[in-house]
N, C-alpha and C. Protein backbone atom coordinates (compact mmCIF):
# COMPACT_ATOMS: atom_id res chain seq x y z
N MET A 1 -11.28 0.29 -2.30
CA MET A 1 -10.23 -0.57 -1.93
C MET A 1 -9.46 -0.15 -0.84
N MET A 2 -9.66 0.89 -0.16
CA MET A 2 -9.03 1.33 1.01
C MET A 2 -10.10 1.72 2.17
N THR A 3 -9.76 1.74 3.33
CA THR A 3 -10.58 2.13 4.34
C THR A 3 -10.67 3.69 4.33
N ASP A 4 -11.76 4.30 4.93
CA ASP A 4 -11.88 5.75 4.88
C ASP A 4 -10.49 6.49 5.48
N ASP A 5 -10.08 5.93 6.63
CA ASP A 5 -8.84 6.48 7.18
C ASP A 5 -7.62 6.40 6.24
N MET A 6 -7.45 5.28 5.58
CA MET A 6 -6.26 5.01 4.69
C MET A 6 -6.47 6.06 3.38
N LEU A 7 -7.77 6.15 2.93
CA LEU A 7 -8.01 7.09 1.82
C LEU A 7 -7.68 8.43 2.12
N ALA A 8 -7.86 8.95 3.40
CA ALA A 8 -7.49 10.17 3.79
C ALA A 8 -6.07 10.43 3.92
N GLN A 9 -5.31 9.43 4.42
CA GLN A 9 -3.87 9.53 4.47
C GLN A 9 -3.31 9.64 3.11
N ILE A 10 -3.78 8.76 2.05
CA ILE A 10 -3.20 8.80 0.76
C ILE A 10 -3.56 10.17 0.14
N LYS A 11 -4.66 10.69 0.34
CA LYS A 11 -4.90 12.07 -0.28
C LYS A 11 -3.98 13.11 0.22
N THR A 12 -3.85 13.05 1.46
CA THR A 12 -2.84 14.04 2.11
C THR A 12 -1.38 13.89 1.49
N GLN A 13 -0.94 12.68 1.39
CA GLN A 13 0.39 12.31 0.83
C GLN A 13 0.42 12.84 -0.64
N LEU A 14 -0.57 12.50 -1.38
CA LEU A 14 -0.63 13.02 -2.80
C LEU A 14 -0.62 14.39 -2.94
N ALA A 15 -1.36 15.21 -2.04
CA ALA A 15 -1.35 16.64 -2.07
C ALA A 15 -0.02 17.18 -1.66
N ASP A 16 0.66 16.54 -0.68
CA ASP A 16 2.03 17.01 -0.18
C ASP A 16 2.98 16.86 -1.25
N ARG A 17 2.88 15.67 -1.96
CA ARG A 17 3.81 15.45 -3.15
C ARG A 17 3.61 16.46 -4.24
N GLU A 18 2.36 16.69 -4.58
CA GLU A 18 1.98 17.56 -5.58
C GLU A 18 2.64 19.03 -5.28
N SER A 19 2.49 19.40 -4.16
CA SER A 19 2.98 20.75 -3.73
C SER A 19 4.49 20.83 -3.81
N HIS A 20 5.16 19.68 -3.60
CA HIS A 20 6.67 19.70 -3.67
C HIS A 20 7.20 19.51 -5.12
N THR A 21 6.41 18.92 -5.96
CA THR A 21 6.83 18.61 -7.34
C THR A 21 6.34 19.52 -8.43
N GLY A 22 5.41 20.43 -7.99
CA GLY A 22 4.82 21.37 -8.90
C GLY A 22 3.81 20.72 -9.80
N GLY A 23 3.22 19.71 -9.32
CA GLY A 23 2.11 19.00 -10.13
C GLY A 23 2.56 17.94 -11.16
N VAL A 24 4.04 17.70 -11.16
CA VAL A 24 4.40 16.71 -12.05
C VAL A 24 3.95 15.25 -11.68
N THR A 25 3.48 14.56 -12.69
CA THR A 25 2.87 13.30 -12.35
C THR A 25 3.97 12.28 -12.11
N ASN A 26 3.69 11.49 -10.95
CA ASN A 26 4.74 10.52 -10.67
C ASN A 26 4.24 9.18 -11.27
N LYS A 27 5.21 8.51 -11.92
CA LYS A 27 4.88 7.13 -12.62
C LYS A 27 5.80 6.12 -11.93
N THR A 28 5.28 5.11 -11.33
CA THR A 28 6.13 4.06 -10.84
C THR A 28 5.91 2.77 -11.67
N GLU A 29 6.95 2.18 -12.09
CA GLU A 29 6.96 0.93 -12.87
C GLU A 29 7.44 -0.17 -11.74
N VAL A 30 6.48 -1.26 -11.63
CA VAL A 30 6.94 -2.43 -10.71
C VAL A 30 7.56 -3.35 -11.69
N VAL A 31 8.90 -3.56 -11.45
CA VAL A 31 9.54 -4.45 -12.32
C VAL A 31 9.47 -5.91 -11.87
N MET A 32 9.47 -6.06 -10.57
CA MET A 32 9.37 -7.44 -9.90
C MET A 32 8.54 -7.29 -8.72
N LEU A 33 7.69 -8.26 -8.40
CA LEU A 33 6.90 -8.20 -7.20
C LEU A 33 6.71 -9.55 -6.65
N ASN A 34 6.96 -9.58 -5.25
CA ASN A 34 6.87 -10.81 -4.46
C ASN A 34 5.78 -10.58 -3.40
N ALA A 35 4.97 -11.45 -2.96
CA ALA A 35 4.04 -11.26 -1.86
C ALA A 35 4.08 -12.38 -1.06
N GLN A 36 3.94 -12.10 0.31
CA GLN A 36 3.89 -13.28 1.20
C GLN A 36 3.02 -12.93 2.42
N LEU A 37 2.02 -13.82 2.68
CA LEU A 37 0.98 -13.57 3.75
C LEU A 37 1.69 -13.86 5.13
N LEU A 38 1.74 -12.87 5.82
CA LEU A 38 2.47 -12.97 7.13
C LEU A 38 1.53 -13.53 8.15
N GLY A 39 0.20 -13.41 8.06
CA GLY A 39 -0.68 -13.87 9.02
C GLY A 39 -2.10 -13.20 8.88
N ILE A 40 -3.06 -13.79 9.55
CA ILE A 40 -4.44 -13.33 9.69
C ILE A 40 -4.82 -13.34 11.09
N GLU A 41 -5.48 -12.31 11.55
CA GLU A 41 -5.94 -12.21 12.98
C GLU A 41 -7.51 -11.97 12.91
N GLU A 42 -8.05 -12.43 13.96
CA GLU A 42 -9.61 -12.14 14.20
C GLU A 42 -9.69 -11.18 15.22
N LEU A 43 -10.07 -9.93 14.91
CA LEU A 43 -10.31 -8.83 15.92
C LEU A 43 -11.84 -8.89 16.23
N ASN A 44 -12.12 -7.84 16.97
CA ASN A 44 -13.60 -7.96 17.47
C ASN A 44 -14.59 -7.92 16.32
N ASP A 45 -14.46 -7.15 15.37
CA ASP A 45 -15.32 -6.98 14.28
C ASP A 45 -14.84 -7.20 12.89
N VAL A 46 -13.59 -7.41 12.73
CA VAL A 46 -12.88 -7.49 11.40
C VAL A 46 -11.87 -8.61 11.52
N TYR A 47 -11.49 -9.22 10.23
CA TYR A 47 -10.33 -10.02 9.99
C TYR A 47 -9.31 -9.03 9.63
N MET A 48 -8.03 -9.17 10.04
CA MET A 48 -6.98 -8.44 9.51
C MET A 48 -5.89 -9.37 9.14
N ALA A 49 -5.44 -9.00 7.72
CA ALA A 49 -4.35 -9.78 7.28
C ALA A 49 -3.13 -8.89 6.86
N SER A 50 -2.00 -9.50 7.16
CA SER A 50 -0.86 -8.64 6.90
C SER A 50 -0.03 -9.37 5.85
N VAL A 51 0.33 -8.59 4.73
CA VAL A 51 1.03 -9.21 3.57
C VAL A 51 2.14 -8.33 3.33
N GLU A 52 3.28 -9.08 3.13
CA GLU A 52 4.58 -8.39 2.87
C GLU A 52 4.78 -8.45 1.49
N PHE A 53 4.99 -7.19 0.67
CA PHE A 53 5.29 -7.04 -0.64
C PHE A 53 6.74 -6.63 -0.82
N SER A 54 7.48 -7.08 -1.66
CA SER A 54 8.88 -6.73 -1.88
C SER A 54 9.15 -6.99 -3.39
N GLY A 55 10.13 -6.33 -3.96
CA GLY A 55 10.53 -6.45 -5.31
C GLY A 55 11.40 -5.28 -5.63
N MET A 56 11.21 -4.98 -7.03
CA MET A 56 11.97 -3.79 -7.68
C MET A 56 11.02 -2.91 -8.31
N ILE A 57 11.29 -1.63 -8.10
CA ILE A 57 10.44 -0.46 -8.72
C ILE A 57 11.35 0.56 -9.37
N ARG A 58 10.81 1.14 -10.47
CA ARG A 58 11.48 2.16 -11.10
C ARG A 58 10.65 3.39 -11.20
N GLU A 59 11.06 4.47 -10.62
CA GLU A 59 10.20 5.75 -10.62
C GLU A 59 10.69 6.82 -11.55
N ASP A 60 11.88 6.50 -12.23
CA ASP A 60 12.34 7.36 -13.25
C ASP A 60 12.79 6.59 -14.49
N ALA A 61 12.19 6.80 -15.63
CA ALA A 61 12.53 5.95 -16.79
C ALA A 61 13.92 5.95 -17.09
N SER A 62 14.76 6.91 -16.78
CA SER A 62 16.23 7.01 -17.09
C SER A 62 17.11 6.29 -16.08
N ALA A 63 16.47 5.81 -14.99
CA ALA A 63 17.27 5.33 -13.82
C ALA A 63 16.99 3.80 -13.71
N GLY A 64 17.85 3.15 -12.96
CA GLY A 64 17.64 1.67 -12.69
C GLY A 64 16.60 1.46 -11.63
N ALA A 65 16.16 0.27 -11.60
CA ALA A 65 15.16 -0.16 -10.62
C ALA A 65 15.73 -0.21 -9.21
N SER A 66 14.94 0.06 -8.20
CA SER A 66 15.32 0.10 -6.80
C SER A 66 14.46 -1.01 -6.05
N PRO A 67 15.15 -1.50 -4.88
CA PRO A 67 14.35 -2.49 -4.20
C PRO A 67 13.41 -1.80 -3.25
N PHE A 68 12.28 -2.44 -2.95
CA PHE A 68 11.30 -1.94 -1.92
C PHE A 68 10.82 -3.15 -1.11
N ARG A 69 10.36 -2.75 0.11
CA ARG A 69 9.77 -3.81 1.00
C ARG A 69 8.69 -3.07 1.76
N GLU A 70 7.49 -3.56 1.74
CA GLU A 70 6.35 -2.90 2.57
C GLU A 70 5.52 -4.17 3.09
N VAL A 71 4.90 -3.72 4.25
CA VAL A 71 3.79 -4.69 4.73
C VAL A 71 2.46 -3.77 4.62
N TRP A 72 1.44 -4.50 4.09
CA TRP A 72 0.13 -3.92 3.95
C TRP A 72 -0.73 -4.65 4.88
N ASN A 73 -1.49 -3.90 5.68
CA ASN A 73 -2.50 -4.43 6.56
C ASN A 73 -3.88 -4.25 5.90
N MET A 74 -4.61 -5.35 5.78
CA MET A 74 -5.95 -5.28 5.15
C MET A 74 -6.99 -5.81 6.03
N THR A 75 -8.14 -5.25 6.04
CA THR A 75 -9.25 -5.62 6.86
C THR A 75 -10.44 -6.04 6.16
N LYS A 76 -11.23 -6.92 6.75
CA LYS A 76 -12.47 -7.48 6.12
C LYS A 76 -13.44 -7.64 7.30
N PRO A 77 -14.66 -7.15 7.10
CA PRO A 77 -15.64 -7.33 8.29
C PRO A 77 -15.98 -8.73 8.46
N ARG A 78 -16.13 -9.20 9.74
CA ARG A 78 -16.40 -10.50 10.07
C ARG A 78 -17.78 -11.00 9.48
N SER A 79 -18.62 -9.93 9.46
CA SER A 79 -20.05 -10.22 8.94
C SER A 79 -20.29 -9.27 7.71
N GLY A 80 -21.17 -9.73 6.86
CA GLY A 80 -21.38 -8.91 5.71
C GLY A 80 -20.67 -9.56 4.45
N GLY A 81 -20.96 -8.93 3.31
CA GLY A 81 -20.30 -9.45 2.05
C GLY A 81 -19.28 -8.49 1.55
N SER A 82 -18.83 -7.61 2.14
CA SER A 82 -17.79 -6.69 1.65
C SER A 82 -16.43 -7.43 1.61
N GLY A 83 -15.54 -6.92 0.75
CA GLY A 83 -14.28 -7.51 0.58
C GLY A 83 -13.15 -6.95 1.48
N TRP A 84 -12.04 -7.21 1.10
CA TRP A 84 -10.73 -6.80 1.83
C TRP A 84 -10.49 -5.28 1.46
N LEU A 85 -10.06 -4.59 2.40
CA LEU A 85 -9.64 -3.12 2.15
C LEU A 85 -8.37 -2.82 2.76
N VAL A 86 -7.48 -2.05 2.13
CA VAL A 86 -6.12 -1.76 2.60
C VAL A 86 -6.46 -0.74 3.83
N ALA A 87 -5.90 -1.11 4.95
CA ALA A 87 -6.04 -0.21 6.17
C ALA A 87 -4.75 0.40 6.64
N GLY A 88 -3.66 -0.02 6.05
CA GLY A 88 -2.41 0.60 6.40
C GLY A 88 -1.22 0.04 5.57
N VAL A 89 -0.29 0.91 5.38
CA VAL A 89 0.94 0.43 4.62
C VAL A 89 2.22 0.91 5.43
N GLN A 90 3.10 0.01 5.68
CA GLN A 90 4.28 0.33 6.35
C GLN A 90 5.61 0.00 5.50
N ALA A 91 6.27 1.04 5.12
CA ALA A 91 7.63 0.77 4.39
C ALA A 91 8.57 0.28 5.28
N LEU A 92 9.31 -0.90 4.81
CA LEU A 92 10.34 -1.49 5.66
C LEU A 92 11.73 -1.23 5.09
N GLN A 93 11.82 -0.71 3.97
CA GLN A 93 13.04 -0.47 3.31
C GLN A 93 12.98 0.83 2.42
């Protein structure tokens, strides 16, 4: 579901988080979710779509929900039958 580069980034982030939290599992509850397609581009060998996700999340069961806003960039080869893969995530808030 992710490009190889994105998977490597996520693995690094998870390892960093685990080293700072002592291995405590993080659980995120998505309370509200909105999605908006910002656009699709045709690049040399892939299509790239940018989707803005926003809403409310709760990362601590005893705390209130917090707003979030992110843009996810997804790619799909112009040829072949594979699907869309997450290629990048940018937090806006």
